[in-house]
PDB file of N, CA and C in Angstrom:
ATOM      1  N   MET A   1     109.459 129.886 104.603  1.00  0.00           N
ATOM      2  CA  MET A   1     110.829 129.761 105.065  1.00  0.00           C
ATOM      3  C   MET A   1     110.877 129.413 106.553  1.00  0.00           C
ATOM      4  N   LEU A   2     109.957 129.973 107.313  1.00  0.00           N
ATOM      5  CA  LEU A   2     109.898 129.683 108.750  1.00  0.00           C
ATOM      6  C   LEU A   2     109.621 128.201 108.989  1.00  0.00           C
ATOM      7  N   GLU A   3     108.776 127.629 108.125  1.00  0.00           N
ATOM      8  CA  GLU A   3     108.445 126.209 108.250  1.00  0.00           C
ATOM      9  C   GLU A   3     109.689 125.337 108.036  1.00  0.00           C
ATOM     10  N   VAL A   4     110.505 125.683 107.071  1.00  0.00           N
ATOM     11  CA  VAL A   4     111.734 124.928 106.787  1.00  0.00           C
ATOM     12  C   VAL A   4     112.699 125.022 107.965  1.00  0.00           C
ATOM     13  N   ILE A   5     112.893 126.219 108.487  1.00  0.00           N
ATOM     14  CA  ILE A   5     113.803 126.421 109.628  1.00  0.00           C
ATOM     15  C   ILE A   5     113.299 125.670 110.852  1.00  0.00           C
ATOM     16  N   ALA A   6     111.990 125.747 111.118  1.00  0.00           N
ATOM     17  CA  ALA A   6     111.412 125.040 112.268  1.00  0.00           C
ATOM     18  C   ALA A   6     111.552 123.528 112.106  1.00  0.00           C
ATOM     19  N   THR A   7     111.341 123.020 110.894  1.00  0.00           N
ATOM     20  CA  THR A   7     111.458 121.587 110.636  1.00  0.00           C
ATOM     21  C   THR A   7     112.891 121.106 110.852  1.00  0.00           C
ATOM     22  N   ILE A   8     113.838 121.818 110.289  1.00  0.00           N
ATOM     23  CA  ILE A   8     115.249 121.452 110.449  1.00  0.00           C
ATOM     24  C   ILE A   8     115.653 121.527 111.914  1.00  0.00           C
ATOM     25  N   GLY A   9     115.217 122.581 112.599  1.00  0.00           N
ATOM     26  CA  GLY A   9     115.526 122.726 114.022  1.00  0.00           C
ATOM     27  C   GLY A   9     114.964 121.582 114.847  1.00  0.00           C
ATOM     28  N   LEU A  10     113.695 121.241 114.612  1.00  0.00           N
ATOM     29  CA  LEU A  10     113.067 120.140 115.343  1.00  0.00           C
ATOM     30  C   LEU A  10     113.783 118.827 115.073  1.00  0.00           C
ATOM     31  N   PHE A  11     114.123 118.580 113.808  1.00  0.00           N
ATOM     32  CA  PHE A  11     114.854 117.366 113.433  1.00  0.00           C
ATOM     33  C   PHE A  11     116.169 117.269 114.208  1.00  0.00           C
ATOM     34  N   PHE A  12     116.951 118.333 114.195  1.00  0.00           N
ATOM     35  CA  PHE A  12     118.250 118.297 114.862  1.00  0.00           C
ATOM     36  C   PHE A  12     118.133 118.193 116.379  1.00  0.00           C
ATOM     37  N   ILE A  13     117.150 118.844 116.961  1.00  0.00           N
ATOM     38  CA  ILE A  13     116.962 118.762 118.412  1.00  0.00           C
ATOM     39  C   ILE A  13     116.594 117.342 118.828  1.00  0.00           C
ATOM     40  N   ILE A  14     115.604 116.758 118.176  1.00  0.00           N
ATOM     41  CA  ILE A  14     115.154 115.406 118.534  1.00  0.00           C
ATOM     42  C   ILE A  14     116.258 114.396 118.276  1.00  0.00           C
ATOM     43  N   THR A  15     116.895 114.486 117.098  1.00  0.00           N
ATOM     44  CA  THR A  15     117.964 113.538 116.759  1.00  0.00           C
ATOM     45  C   THR A  15     119.122 113.655 117.748  1.00  0.00           C
ATOM     46  N   THR A  16     119.512 114.860 118.095  1.00  0.00           N
ATOM     47  CA  THR A  16     120.602 115.066 119.056  1.00  0.00           C
ATOM     48  C   THR A  16     120.247 114.482 120.418  1.00  0.00           C
ATOM     49  N   LEU A  17     119.032 114.704 120.883  1.00  0.00           N
ATOM     50  CA  LEU A  17     118.611 114.151 122.181  1.00  0.00           C
ATOM     51  C   LEU A  17     118.647 112.623 122.178  1.00  0.00           C
ATOM     52  N   VAL A  18     118.098 112.024 121.136  1.00  0.00           N
ATOM     53  CA  VAL A  18     118.047 110.558 121.069  1.00  0.00           C
ATOM     54  C   VAL A  18     119.450 109.969 120.914  1.00  0.00           C
ATOM     55  N   TYR A  19     120.240 110.534 120.003  1.00  0.00           N
ATOM     56  CA  TYR A  19     121.603 110.035 119.794  1.00  0.00           C
ATOM     57  C   TYR A  19     122.436 110.193 121.064  1.00  0.00           C
ATOM     58  N   SER A  20     122.248 111.292 121.785  1.00  0.00           N
ATOM     59  CA  SER A  20     122.984 111.500 123.039  1.00  0.00           C
ATOM     60  C   SER A  20     122.582 110.463 124.075  1.00  0.00           C
ATOM     61  N   HIS A  21     121.301 110.173 124.152  1.00  0.00           N
ATOM     62  CA  HIS A  21     120.820 109.197 125.132  1.00  0.00           C
ATOM     63  C   HIS A  21     121.340 107.790 124.809  1.00  0.00           C
ATOM     64  N   VAL A  22     121.284 107.427 123.546  1.00  0.00           N
ATOM     65  CA  VAL A  22     121.736 106.096 123.123  1.00  0.00           C
ATOM     66  C   VAL A  22     123.257 106.004 123.166  1.00  0.00           C
ATOM     67  N   GLY A  23     123.910 107.104 122.888  1.00  0.00           N
ATOM     68  CA  GLY A  23     125.369 107.149 122.840  1.00  0.00           C
ATOM     69  C   GLY A  23     125.829 107.260 121.410  1.00  0.00           C
ATOM     70  N   LEU A  24     126.567 108.315 121.114  1.00  0.00           N
ATOM     71  CA  LEU A  24     126.999 108.550 119.742  1.00  0.00           C
ATOM     72  C   LEU A  24     127.853 107.396 119.224  1.00  0.00           C
ATOM     73  N   GLY A  25     128.661 106.795 120.084  1.00  0.00           N
ATOM     74  CA  GLY A  25     129.470 105.646 119.679  1.00  0.00           C
ATOM     75  C   GLY A  25     128.612 104.477 119.243  1.00  0.00           C
ATOM     76  N   ASN A  26     127.524 104.222 119.971  1.00  0.00           N
ATOM     77  CA  ASN A  26     126.603 103.139 119.599  1.00  0.00           C
ATOM     78  C   ASN A  26     125.927 103.418 118.261  1.00  0.00           C
ATOM     79  N   ILE A  27     125.575 104.668 118.043  1.00  0.00           N
ATOM     80  CA  ILE A  27     124.936 105.050 116.782  1.00  0.00           C
ATOM     81  C   ILE A  27     125.915 104.854 115.625  1.00  0.00           C
ATOM     82  N   VAL A  28     127.149 105.324 115.792  1.00  0.00           N
ATOM     83  CA  VAL A  28     128.161 105.180 114.746  1.00  0.00           C
ATOM     84  C   VAL A  28     128.426 103.705 114.465  1.00  0.00           C
ATOM     85  N   ASN A  29     128.533 102.892 115.521  1.00  0.00           N
ATOM     86  CA  ASN A  29     128.744 101.449 115.335  1.00  0.00           C
ATOM     87  C   ASN A  29     127.577 100.805 114.597  1.00  0.00           C
ATOM     88  N   SER A  30     126.379 101.281 114.872  1.00  0.00           N
ATOM     89  CA  SER A  30     125.203 100.758 114.182  1.00  0.00           C
ATOM     90  C   SER A  30     125.282 101.067 112.689  1.00  0.00           C
ATOM     91  N   TYR A  31     125.610 102.296 112.326  1.00  0.00           N
ATOM     92  CA  TYR A  31     125.741 102.664 110.922  1.00  0.00           C
ATOM     93  C   TYR A  31     126.884 101.909 110.244  1.00  0.00           C
ATOM     94  N   LYS A  32     127.937 101.598 110.974  1.00  0.00           N
ATOM     95  CA  LYS A  32     129.077 100.871 110.415  1.00  0.00           C
ATOM     96  C   LYS A  32     128.688  99.458 109.972  1.00  0.00           C
ATOM     97  N   LEU A  33     127.614  98.914 110.531  1.00  0.00           N
ATOM     98  CA  LEU A  33     127.168  97.575 110.133  1.00  0.00           C
ATOM     99  C   LEU A  33     126.881  97.500 108.641  1.00  0.00           C
ATOM    100  N   TRP A  34     126.414  98.603 108.058  1.00  0.00           N
ATOM    101  CA  TRP A  34     126.119  98.616 106.630  1.00  0.00           C
ATOM    102  C   TRP A  34     127.332  98.242 105.785  1.00  0.00           C
ATOM    103  N   PHE A  35     128.528  98.502 106.307  1.00  0.00           N
ATOM    104  CA  PHE A  35     129.753  98.303 105.531  1.00  0.00           C
ATOM    105  C   PHE A  35     130.482  97.011 105.879  1.00  0.00           C
ATOM    106  N   GLN A  36     129.886  96.200 106.747  1.00  0.00           N
ATOM    107  CA  GLN A  36     130.498  94.914 107.076  1.00  0.00           C
ATOM    108  C   GLN A  36     130.010  93.858 106.090  1.00  0.00           C
ATOM    109  N   GLU A  37     130.930  92.996 105.703  1.00  0.00           N
ATOM    110  CA  GLU A  37     130.651  92.004 104.668  1.00  0.00           C
ATOM    111  C   GLU A  37     129.461  91.101 105.007  1.00  0.00           C
ATOM    112  N   GLY A  38     129.367  90.628 106.221  1.00  0.00           N
ATOM    113  CA  GLY A  38     128.316  89.691 106.583  1.00  0.00           C
ATOM    114  C   GLY A  38     126.956  90.310 106.828  1.00  0.00           C
ATOM    115  N   TYR A  39     126.856  91.617 106.741  1.00  0.00           N
ATOM    116  CA  TYR A  39     125.582  92.290 107.049  1.00  0.00           C
ATOM    117  C   TYR A  39     124.534  92.072 105.963  1.00  0.00           C
ATOM    118  N   TRP A  40     124.964  92.086 104.710  1.00  0.00           N
ATOM    119  CA  TRP A  40     124.012  92.075 103.607  1.00  0.00           C
ATOM    120  C   TRP A  40     123.537  90.664 103.272  1.00  0.00           C
ATOM    121  N   VAL A  41     122.795  90.068 104.213  1.00  0.00           N
ATOM    122  CA  VAL A  41     122.134  88.786 103.998  1.00  0.00           C
ATOM    123  C   VAL A  41     120.740  89.067 103.457  1.00  0.00           C
ATOM    124  N   ASN A  42     120.022  88.017 103.083  1.00  0.00           N
ATOM    125  CA  ASN A  42     118.735  88.193 102.407  1.00  0.00           C
ATOM    126  C   ASN A  42     117.788  89.133 103.156  1.00  0.00           C
ATOM    127  N   TYR A  43     117.653  88.951 104.465  1.00  0.00           N
ATOM    128  CA  TYR A  43     116.707  89.773 105.207  1.00  0.00           C
ATOM    129  C   TYR A  43     117.089  91.243 105.150  1.00  0.00           C
ATOM    130  N   ASN A  44     118.347  91.553 105.385  1.00  0.00           N
ATOM    131  CA  ASN A  44     118.767  92.950 105.423  1.00  0.00           C
ATOM    132  C   ASN A  44     118.708  93.613 104.054  1.00  0.00           C
ATOM    133  N   VAL A  45     118.901  92.843 102.986  1.00  0.00           N
ATOM    134  CA  VAL A  45     118.744  93.378 101.633  1.00  0.00           C
ATOM    135  C   VAL A  45     117.276  93.736 101.389  1.00  0.00           C
ATOM    136  N   VAL A  46     116.375  92.828 101.731  1.00  0.00           N
ATOM    137  CA  VAL A  46     114.936  93.088 101.562  1.00  0.00           C
ATOM    138  C   VAL A  46     114.518  94.282 102.420  1.00  0.00           C
ATOM    139  N   GLU A  47     115.028  94.351 103.644  1.00  0.00           N
ATOM    140  CA  GLU A  47     114.697  95.460 104.540  1.00  0.00           C
ATOM    141  C   GLU A  47     115.168  96.790 103.949  1.00  0.00           C
ATOM    142  N   ALA A  48     116.363  96.826 103.391  1.00  0.00           N
ATOM    143  CA  ALA A  48     116.883  98.061 102.795  1.00  0.00           C
ATOM    144  C   ALA A  48     116.051  98.482 101.586  1.00  0.00           C
ATOM    145  N   ILE A  49     115.722  97.540 100.717  1.00  0.00           N
ATOM    146  CA  ILE A  49     114.898  97.851  99.540  1.00  0.00           C
ATOM    147  C   ILE A  49     113.521  98.343  99.979  1.00  0.00           C
ATOM    148  N   SER A  50     112.968  97.697 101.000  1.00  0.00           N
ATOM    149  CA  SER A  50     111.663  98.085 101.517  1.00  0.00           C
ATOM    150  C   SER A  50     111.691  99.495 102.098  1.00  0.00           C
ATOM    151  N   TRP A  51     112.750  99.793 102.827  1.00  0.00           N
ATOM    152  CA  TRP A  51     112.894 101.113 103.436  1.00  0.00           C
ATOM    153  C   TRP A  51     112.979 102.188 102.359  1.00  0.00           C
ATOM    154  N   VAL A  52     113.779 101.956 101.333  1.00  0.00           N
ATOM    155  CA  VAL A  52     113.928 102.923 100.246  1.00  0.00           C
ATOM    156  C   VAL A  52     112.593 103.096  99.505  1.00  0.00           C
ATOM    157  N   ALA A  53     111.897 102.000  99.261  1.00  0.00           N
ATOM    158  CA  ALA A  53     110.609 102.079  98.563  1.00  0.00           C
ATOM    159  C   ALA A  53     109.587 102.868  99.379  1.00  0.00           C
ATOM    160  N   LYS A  54     109.533 102.614 100.669  1.00  0.00           N
ATOM    161  CA  LYS A  54     108.585 103.343 101.523  1.00  0.00           C
ATOM    162  C   LYS A  54     108.943 104.824 101.589  1.00  0.00           C
ATOM    163  N   ALA A  55     110.232 105.128 101.651  1.00  0.00           N
ATOM    164  CA  ALA A  55     110.661 106.531 101.638  1.00  0.00           C
ATOM    165  C   ALA A  55     110.280 107.194 100.315  1.00  0.00           C
ATOM    166  N   ALA A  56     110.406 106.451  99.212  1.00  0.00           N
ATOM    167  CA  ALA A  56     110.049 106.992  97.895  1.00  0.00           C
ATOM    168  C   ALA A  56     108.549 107.249  97.783  1.00  0.00           C
ATOM    169  N   VAL A  57     107.744 106.517  98.531  1.00  0.00           N
ATOM    170  CA  VAL A  57     106.299 106.749  98.554  1.00  0.00           C
ATOM    171  C   VAL A  57     105.967 107.944  99.454  1.00  0.00           C
ATOM    172  N   ILE A  58     106.599 108.008 100.609  1.00  0.00           N
ATOM    173  CA  ILE A  58     106.248 109.010 101.621  1.00  0.00           C
ATOM    174  C   ILE A  58     106.789 110.400 101.287  1.00  0.00           C
ATOM    175  N   LEU A  59     108.054 110.497 100.897  1.00  0.00           N
ATOM    176  CA  LEU A  59     108.686 111.810 100.736  1.00  0.00           C
ATOM    177  C   LEU A  59     108.021 112.712  99.693  1.00  0.00           C
ATOM    178  N   PRO A  60     107.693 112.225  98.489  1.00  0.00           N
ATOM    179  CA  PRO A  60     107.023 113.128  97.536  1.00  0.00           C
ATOM    180  C   PRO A  60     105.674 113.648  98.071  1.00  0.00           C
ATOM    181  N   GLY A  61     104.994 112.817  98.838  1.00  0.00           N
ATOM    182  CA  GLY A  61     103.727 113.256  99.420  1.00  0.00           C
ATOM    183  C   GLY A  61     103.922 114.335 100.469  1.00  0.00           C
ATOM    184  N   LEU A  62     104.923 114.169 101.293  1.00  0.00           N
ATOM    185  CA  LEU A  62     105.187 115.161 102.338  1.00  0.00           C
ATOM    186  C   LEU A  62     105.737 116.463 101.773  1.00  0.00           C
ATOM    187  N   VAL A  63     106.664 116.349 100.829  1.00  0.00           N
ATOM    188  CA  VAL A  63     107.359 117.532 100.332  1.00  0.00           C
ATOM    189  C   VAL A  63     106.560 118.247  99.245  1.00  0.00           C
ATOM    190  N   TRP A  64     106.031 117.497  98.270  1.00  0.00           N
ATOM    191  CA  TRP A  64     105.376 118.122  97.122  1.00  0.00           C
ATOM    192  C   TRP A  64     103.888 117.800  97.011  1.00  0.00           C
ATOM    193  N   GLN A  65     103.324 117.090  97.976  1.00  0.00           N
ATOM    194  CA  GLN A  65     101.917 116.679  97.939  1.00  0.00           C
ATOM    195  C   GLN A  65     101.600 115.904  96.667  1.00  0.00           C
ATOM    196  N   LYS A  66     102.527 115.054  96.245  1.00  0.00           N
ATOM    197  CA  LYS A  66     102.349 114.206  95.064  1.00  0.00           C
ATOM    198  C   LYS A  66     102.432 112.746  95.469  1.00  0.00           C
ATOM    199  N   GLU A  67     101.564 111.950  94.889  1.00  0.00           N
ATOM    200  CA  GLU A  67     101.580 110.520  95.152  1.00  0.00           C
ATOM    201  C   GLU A  67     102.045 109.787  93.889  1.00  0.00           C
ATOM    202  N   ILE A  68     103.087 108.997  94.049  1.00  0.00           N
ATOM    203  CA  ILE A  68     103.541 108.137  92.948  1.00  0.00           C
ATOM    204  C   ILE A  68     102.988 106.749  93.274  1.00  0.00           C
ATOM    205  N   TRP A  69     101.747 106.528  92.864  1.00  0.00           N
ATOM    206  CA  TRP A  69     101.035 105.326  93.318  1.00  0.00           C
ATOM    207  C   TRP A  69     101.692 104.035  92.843  1.00  0.00           C
ATOM    208  N   GLN A  70     102.389 104.073  91.714  1.00  0.00           N
ATOM    209  CA  GLN A  70     103.011 102.868  91.184  1.00  0.00           C
ATOM    210  C   GLN A  70     104.068 102.295  92.139  1.00  0.00           C
ATOM    211  N   LEU A  71     104.665 103.149  92.953  1.00  0.00           N
ATOM    212  CA  LEU A  71     105.652 102.680  93.933  1.00  0.00           C
ATOM    213  C   LEU A  71     105.027 101.769  94.988  1.00  0.00           C
ATOM    214  N   HIS A  72     103.711 101.858  95.143  1.00  0.00           N
ATOM    215  CA  HIS A  72     103.037 100.981  96.103  1.00  0.00           C
ATOM    216  C   HIS A  72     103.110  99.512  95.689  1.00  0.00           C
ATOM    217  N   VAL A  73     103.312  99.253  94.416  1.00  0.00           N
ATOM    218  CA  VAL A  73     103.506  97.863  93.974  1.00  0.00           C
ATOM    219  C   VAL A  73     104.780  97.318  94.617  1.00  0.00           C
ATOM    220  N   ILE A  74     105.834  98.131  94.628  1.00  0.00           N
ATOM    221  CA  ILE A  74     107.100  97.712  95.248  1.00  0.00           C
ATOM    222  C   ILE A  74     106.935  97.571  96.755  1.00  0.00           C
ATOM    223  N   THR A  75     106.240  98.521  97.397  1.00  0.00           N
ATOM    224  CA  THR A  75     106.074  98.427  98.856  1.00  0.00           C
ATOM    225  C   THR A  75     105.182  97.253  99.243  1.00  0.00           C
ATOM    226  N   LEU A  76     104.226  96.934  98.404  1.00  0.00           N
ATOM    227  CA  LEU A  76     103.375  95.770  98.657  1.00  0.00           C
ATOM    228  C   LEU A  76     104.222  94.497  98.660  1.00  0.00           C
ATOM    229  N   VAL A  77     105.052  94.346  97.642  1.00  0.00           N
ATOM    230  CA  VAL A  77     105.899  93.157  97.521  1.00  0.00           C
ATOM    231  C   VAL A  77     106.930  93.107  98.643  1.00  0.00           C
ATOM    232  N   THR A  78     107.619  94.238  98.900  1.00  0.00           N
ATOM    233  CA  THR A  78     108.675  94.215  99.920  1.00  0.00           C
ATOM    234  C   THR A  78     108.109  94.031 101.324  1.00  0.00           C
ATOM    235  N   SER A  79     106.928  94.555 101.590  1.00  0.00           N
ATOM    236  CA  SER A  79     106.317  94.338 102.903  1.00  0.00           C
ATOM    237  C   SER A  79     105.975  92.870 103.106  1.00  0.00           C
ATOM    238  N   ALA A  80     105.421  92.252 102.068  1.00  0.00           N
ATOM    239  CA  ALA A  80     105.122  90.815 102.154  1.00  0.00           C
ATOM    240  C   ALA A  80     106.415  90.017 102.317  1.00  0.00           C
ATOM    241  N   LEU A  81     107.446  90.374 101.555  1.00  0.00           N
ATOM    242  CA  LEU A  81     108.731  89.685 101.669  1.00  0.00           C
ATOM    243  C   LEU A  81     109.355  89.859 103.050  1.00  0.00           C
ATOM    244  N   LEU A  82     109.218  91.053 103.630  1.00  0.00           N
ATOM    245  CA  LEU A  82     109.786  91.278 104.964  1.00  0.00           C
ATOM    246  C   LEU A  82     109.164  90.364 106.006  1.00  0.00           C
ATOM    247  N   ILE A  83     107.872  90.172 105.923  1.00  0.00           N
ATOM    248  CA  ILE A  83     107.222  89.251 106.865  1.00  0.00           C
ATOM    249  C   ILE A  83     107.708  87.833 106.604  1.00  0.00           C
ATOM    250  N   TRP A  84     107.831  87.465 105.339  1.00  0.00           N
ATOM    251  CA  TRP A  84     108.244  86.118 104.962  1.00  0.00           C
ATOM    252  C   TRP A  84     109.683  85.812 105.357  1.00  0.00           C
ATOM    253  N   VAL A  85     110.605  86.752 105.138  1.00  0.00           N
ATOM    254  CA  VAL A  85     112.018  86.480 105.425  1.00  0.00           C
ATOM    255  C   VAL A  85     112.424  86.836 106.851  1.00  0.00           C
ATOM    256  N   SER A  86     111.480  87.271 107.651  1.00  0.00           N
ATOM    257  CA  SER A  86     111.827  87.763 108.990  1.00  0.00           C
ATOM    258  C   SER A  86     111.862  86.672 110.050  1.00  0.00           C
ATOM    259  N   GLU A  87     112.273  85.495 109.675  1.00  0.00           N
ATOM    260  CA  GLU A  87     112.324  84.396 110.640  1.00  0.00           C
ATOM    261  C   GLU A  87     113.184  84.741 111.848  1.00  0.00           C
ATOM    262  N   ARG A  88     114.266  85.472 111.641  1.00  0.00           N
ATOM    263  CA  ARG A  88     115.154  85.852 112.735  1.00  0.00           C
ATOM    264  C   ARG A  88     114.614  87.026 113.530  1.00  0.00           C
ATOM    265  N   LYS A  89     113.995  87.973 112.853  1.00  0.00           N
ATOM    266  CA  LYS A  89     113.529  89.202 113.498  1.00  0.00           C
ATOM    267  C   LYS A  89     112.006  89.253 113.524  1.00  0.00           C
ATOM    268  N   LEU A  90     111.371  88.196 113.837  1.00  0.00           N
ATOM    269  CA  LEU A  90     109.909  88.150 113.800  1.00  0.00           C
ATOM    270  C   LEU A  90     109.330  88.923 114.987  1.00  0.00           C
ATOM    271  N   LEU A  91     109.538  90.219 114.961  1.00  0.00           N
ATOM    272  CA  LEU A  91     109.040  91.101 116.007  1.00  0.00           C
ATOM    273  C   LEU A  91     107.598  91.486 115.694  1.00  0.00           C
ATOM    274  N   PRO A  92     106.742  91.523 116.705  1.00  0.00           N
ATOM    275  CA  PRO A  92     105.335  91.835 116.435  1.00  0.00           C
ATOM    276  C   PRO A  92     105.153  93.214 115.805  1.00  0.00           C
ATOM    277  N   THR A  93     105.977  94.182 116.175  1.00  0.00           N
ATOM    278  CA  THR A  93     105.837  95.505 115.561  1.00  0.00           C
ATOM    279  C   THR A  93     106.202  95.463 114.079  1.00  0.00           C
ATOM    280  N   MET A  94     107.217  94.678 113.724  1.00  0.00           N
ATOM    281  CA  MET A  94     107.621  94.542 112.322  1.00  0.00           C
ATOM    282  C   MET A  94     106.516  93.861 111.513  1.00  0.00           C
ATOM    283  N   VAL A  95     105.954  92.804 112.065  1.00  0.00           N
ATOM    284  CA  VAL A  95     104.876  92.083 111.374  1.00  0.00           C
ATOM    285  C   VAL A  95     103.651  92.983 111.233  1.00  0.00           C
ATOM    286  N   ALA A  96     103.271  93.653 112.309  1.00  0.00           N
ATOM    287  CA  ALA A  96     102.080  94.509 112.285  1.00  0.00           C
ATOM    288  C   ALA A  96     102.259  95.678 111.319  1.00  0.00           C
ATOM    289  N   PHE A  97     103.415  96.337 111.373  1.00  0.00           N
ATOM    290  CA  PHE A  97     103.661  97.476 110.491  1.00  0.00           C
ATOM    291  C   PHE A  97     103.600  97.060 109.024  1.00  0.00           C
ATOM    292  N   ASN A  98     104.248  95.958 108.690  1.00  0.00           N
ATOM    293  CA  ASN A  98     104.259  95.526 107.291  1.00  0.00           C
ATOM    294  C   ASN A  98     102.917  94.969 106.853  1.00  0.00           C
ATOM    295  N   THR A  99     102.159  94.383 107.760  1.00  0.00           N
ATOM    296  CA  THR A  99     100.792  93.961 107.445  1.00  0.00           C
ATOM    297  C   THR A  99      99.932  95.186 107.151  1.00  0.00           C
ATOM    298  N   LEU A 100     100.076  96.220 107.973  1.00  0.00           N
ATOM    299  CA  LEU A 100      99.364  97.477 107.738  1.00  0.00           C
ATOM    300  C   LEU A 100      99.771  98.074 106.389  1.00  0.00           C
ATOM    301  N   TRP A 101     101.058  98.048 106.086  1.00  0.00           N
ATOM    302  CA  TRP A 101     101.526  98.622 104.822  1.00  0.00           C
ATOM    303  C   TRP A 101     100.995  97.835 103.624  1.00  0.00           C
ATOM    304  N   ILE A 102     100.878  96.523 103.747  1.00  0.00           N
ATOM    305  CA  ILE A 102     100.268  95.719 102.674  1.00  0.00           C
ATOM    306  C   ILE A 102      98.839  96.205 102.431  1.00  0.00           C
ATOM    307  N   GLY A 103      98.123  96.461 103.505  1.00  0.00           N
ATOM    308  CA  GLY A 103      96.755  96.978 103.378  1.00  0.00           C
ATOM    309  C   GLY A 103      96.717  98.349 102.725  1.00  0.00           C
ATOM    310  N   LEU A 104      97.590  99.254 103.164  1.00  0.00           N
ATOM    311  CA  LEU A 104      97.636 100.598 102.583  1.00  0.00           C
ATOM    312  C   LEU A 104      97.997 100.546 101.099  1.00  0.00           C
ATOM    313  N   SER A 105      98.996  99.758 100.762  1.00  0.00           N
ATOM    314  CA  SER A 105      99.395  99.642  99.359  1.00  0.00           C
ATOM    315  C   SER A 105      98.277  99.041  98.517  1.00  0.00           C
ATOM    316  N   SER A 106      97.581  98.063  99.078  1.00  0.00           N
ATOM    317  CA  SER A 106      96.455  97.449  98.360  1.00  0.00           C
ATOM    318  C   SER A 106      95.381  98.476  98.054  1.00  0.00           C
ATOM    319  N   VAL A 107      95.056  99.329  99.028  1.00  0.00           N
ATOM    320  CA  VAL A 107      94.045 100.372  98.836  1.00  0.00           C
ATOM    321  C   VAL A 107      94.474 101.319  97.714  1.00  0.00           C
ATOM    322  N   VAL A 108      95.715 101.771  97.758  1.00  0.00           N
ATOM    323  CA  VAL A 108      96.200 102.730  96.758  1.00  0.00           C
ATOM    324  C   VAL A 108      96.238 102.106  95.371  1.00  0.00           C
ATOM    325  N   ILE A 109      96.712 100.888  95.267  1.00  0.00           N
ATOM    326  CA  ILE A 109      96.790 100.217  93.955  1.00  0.00           C
ATOM    327  C   ILE A 109      95.400 100.023  93.372  1.00  0.00           C
ATOM    328  N   VAL A 110      94.466  99.480  94.162  1.00  0.00           N
ATOM    329  CA  VAL A 110      93.108  99.234  93.666  1.00  0.00           C
ATOM    330  C   VAL A 110      92.439 100.545  93.320  1.00  0.00           C
ATOM    331  N   ARG A 111      92.607 101.582  94.144  1.00  0.00           N
ATOM    332  CA  ARG A 111      92.005 102.893  93.873  1.00  0.00           C
ATOM    333  C   ARG A 111      92.474 103.439  92.522  1.00  0.00           C
ATOM    334  N   ASN A 112      93.716 103.207  92.185  1.00  0.00           N
ATOM    335  CA  ASN A 112      94.251 103.765  90.939  1.00  0.00           C
ATOM    336  C   ASN A 112      94.011 102.883  89.720  1.00  0.00           C
ATOM    337  N   LEU A 113      93.739 101.615  89.930  1.00  0.00           N
ATOM    338  CA  LEU A 113      93.498 100.719  88.809  1.00  0.00           C
ATOM    339  C   LEU A 113      92.011 100.569  88.466  1.00  0.00           C
ATOM    340  N   LEU A 114      91.137 100.791  89.429  1.00  0.00           N
ATOM    341  CA  LEU A 114      89.697 100.654  89.154  1.00  0.00           C
ATOM    342  C   LEU A 114      89.042 102.003  88.902  1.00  0.00           C
TER     343      LEU A 114
END
């Protein structure tokens, strides 16, 4: 129980500090983009699917120490797609992170299939 309380406390402290520094109005405006008609273009759709897939891989491992290796097929595809469709946001951190994730997903898929 102490671990849960400490985790929630740390989450709220860090999030509050960062949101305060950036400005709560800026954060709210950023989240509002999800509901604007022009936001959901091909890149942002792929990014959202990729984010959900990566969360689906990470969260069961963190919370229950379970790996759903089949989800790595989705993260492999979405990571490759993110690099491919990222003509507008071709940031080196985005390319490097998704290249790394392609490698991680490849390891997990091959480990479970061979």
